[in-house]
Each structure stands twice: as structure tokens, then as C-alpha cells.
Amino acid sequence: MNINYQKICNDILKDLPQKRTRDVLERRFGLKQGQGRETLESIGQSYEITRERVRQIEEDGLKKARAKAKTVAQNVFQNFKQKLQNCGNLKKEDSLLEELGGKKFKGQVFFLLTLGDEFKRVSETDNFHAFWTINHNSVNTVQKVVDDFKQELEKKSQPLSLEKVSFANLNKDVLSCYADISKDIDKGTQGLYGLSSWPEINPKGIKDKAFLIIKKENQPLHFTKVAELIEKQEKEKKPCLVKTVHNELIKDSRFVLVGRGLYALREWGYKPGIVREVIKDVIQSSPKPLSSQEIVDKVSSQRFVQKNTILLNLQNREHFSRDSQGKYFVKEA
């Protein structure tokens, strides 16, 4: 629906009897092109009046503007109402303003929402972002849904897609709107939802970002490639230094060096250690001695190394021995 928000706001304001009242509303809601919203304090200083007096002027202007809006903004109000109904009767303020007005007309949309009798703004709290609703019981509703969502995430201990959230009998668009309001739940870079405190959702540093990238690629990556992908993901932010990435991967137990500069995730089943230690673990995990080819196959699933490197390590008589059939076992210390 193509709506000229600026024209509608101008039509509402032009009938206000005092120029100062129009100016206060325009400045309070950021209705002038290229200007943001101003505080009561800053407007009061320009008029040399108290902030309380500015508030009184604003309230009087809004009362008159609401009366005018009932005749010129009904189609707009209906569009706003439909948008909120599609989101379960509520939506996070930033998201709603962006979707309805884009970057250019957020102030106009906020002003019109304020004028509509059926729209209620719920202010930001410690747990929730500010949001708009058409149902006064929505605060209790969103609180219950978010609490249940958090419990589900804590129980599963991993990010989830909305399709895999089992507690809520809500379509995913509505559930997404509810989660968007919560400060405790967030959507990660892979499109999955989790607790805001989880590094998988809000990575705090290079090592968290590297973890997410390797997990997304689903294969071991060289640290230079990880640095490249981090920098690409960050776009206009500061460059990602290859040396920094390498140092972080070495220190973090979530990563395992599986080849020259290649890192995999421990959660994939890779175990840390040099090739000799991997060979030892492979042999000790077997109920019987293993042939050299069996060892090569098993170690190659854990390390990206040449076959000759594995065979050369097997020749270390201090650690490995062969039985009469030529199969290898770990030599007792």
C-alpha cells in the first residue's frame, strides 16, 4: 500500500491554530525532513520556556491532531492495524517503524501511531524492547510466550529454527514477532533463535565469530580463510588480522588443528593432539591390533596429513610395536 505519510501529517498539522504548536509537534516527532526527534529540554531552550510548558503544548497539540486524524488518516490506521494483526497484535517498535515508513518516514509513522486511539505503545523495560499493540492484554501474552520460548531453548541448549520450537501453537511469523520484542532471545547470523547471552547468537569476539563460520561451512577451514570470511561478514568494520585469528583458534578448546593451518570443531568428534597421539588413540580404541592401512584410514578421518607421515610415526619403536601378523599395538610405557 503506497501511502504519502508526509502529506497526511501536513494535512493534520496545517489546521492547528498556533504555529508554535505545529513546530513543537514537528520537532518532537521528527517530522521535518532531515531532522530527528528533539527533547522537551532542547525545544524549551529555543523558546525560553520550561520543559513542562513544552509538554503541555505537545499534549494540547496532540489532542487537536487526534480529532483531525479521525477524518484524514482512517485508511492509514486500518493499514497499521492489519500489520499488527498479522504479527499477533503486537510488534517491536523499531521493526514496525522500519517496515511501515522505511528509513525516511519513521517519524511520521510514529506520529500517526500516537494519534490512533486503538494503538498503544508499551515502553522499553529491562526484559523487553518498546513495542506497539492493539490488544491491552498483549503484555501478559508476550511474557508467557517468551518465558516458554526461553525454557525450550535452555532445555535444548542449542539454537533452534522456529519450525523446531515445540511449545507454542503459533505460526512462525507471530512467534518471530514475539521473540523480536524480547531482550533475552535473539536471532543469530544463521537464522536460528537462541538466548542473547549465547556466543552462537551474539558472538563477542574473533573466536566466537570463527566458531560460527566454521560451523556454517560444515568443514575444516584454514585460518586464513576464516579471517577472510569474518572480514566479509563484518563488511565495513575494521579488517580481521590473520595472525589474530590464528592465535585465537590455537587457544580455544572448541577448535582442533587437523592439518597445516586447518581447524575443525571438537564437537564434530575431532580430538586434539599431534599425529602420534592420534595414532595412539586410534589403536587403543580398537579391541584388537590394527594393520597399517586400517590405522591410516582411521587417522586420515581425524587429520589431513600424508599417508607417509602416518607410516613414519608408526615406525617409532618407543611408542608402537607389531605382533606376529604385522599389526600394530601401543607399546607399554
Foldseek 3Di string as FASTA:
>chain_A
DDDDLLVLLCQLLVPDPDPLLSVLLCQQLVSDFPHHHDALCVSCVVVVHDSVVSVVSPVVSLVSSLVVCVVRPPVVVVVLQVVCVLQVFKAALVVSLCVPPNPGCSSSNVSSLSSDPQKDWDPDDPWWHIMIGSDPCVVVVLVVLVVLQQVQQVVVVDFAALVPSPPDPDPSSNSVRSQNGTPQWAAAPVRTIHGPPDCRRVPDDLLSQLVNVLVVVVDWDALVVSQVVVCVVVPPDDHRDSVVSLVSQVPDPQWEAQEDRIIHGVVVVADHDDLLVLLQVVQVVDPDFAALVVSLVSSVVRHVDDSVVNVVSCPPPVFWDADPVRGIHTDDD
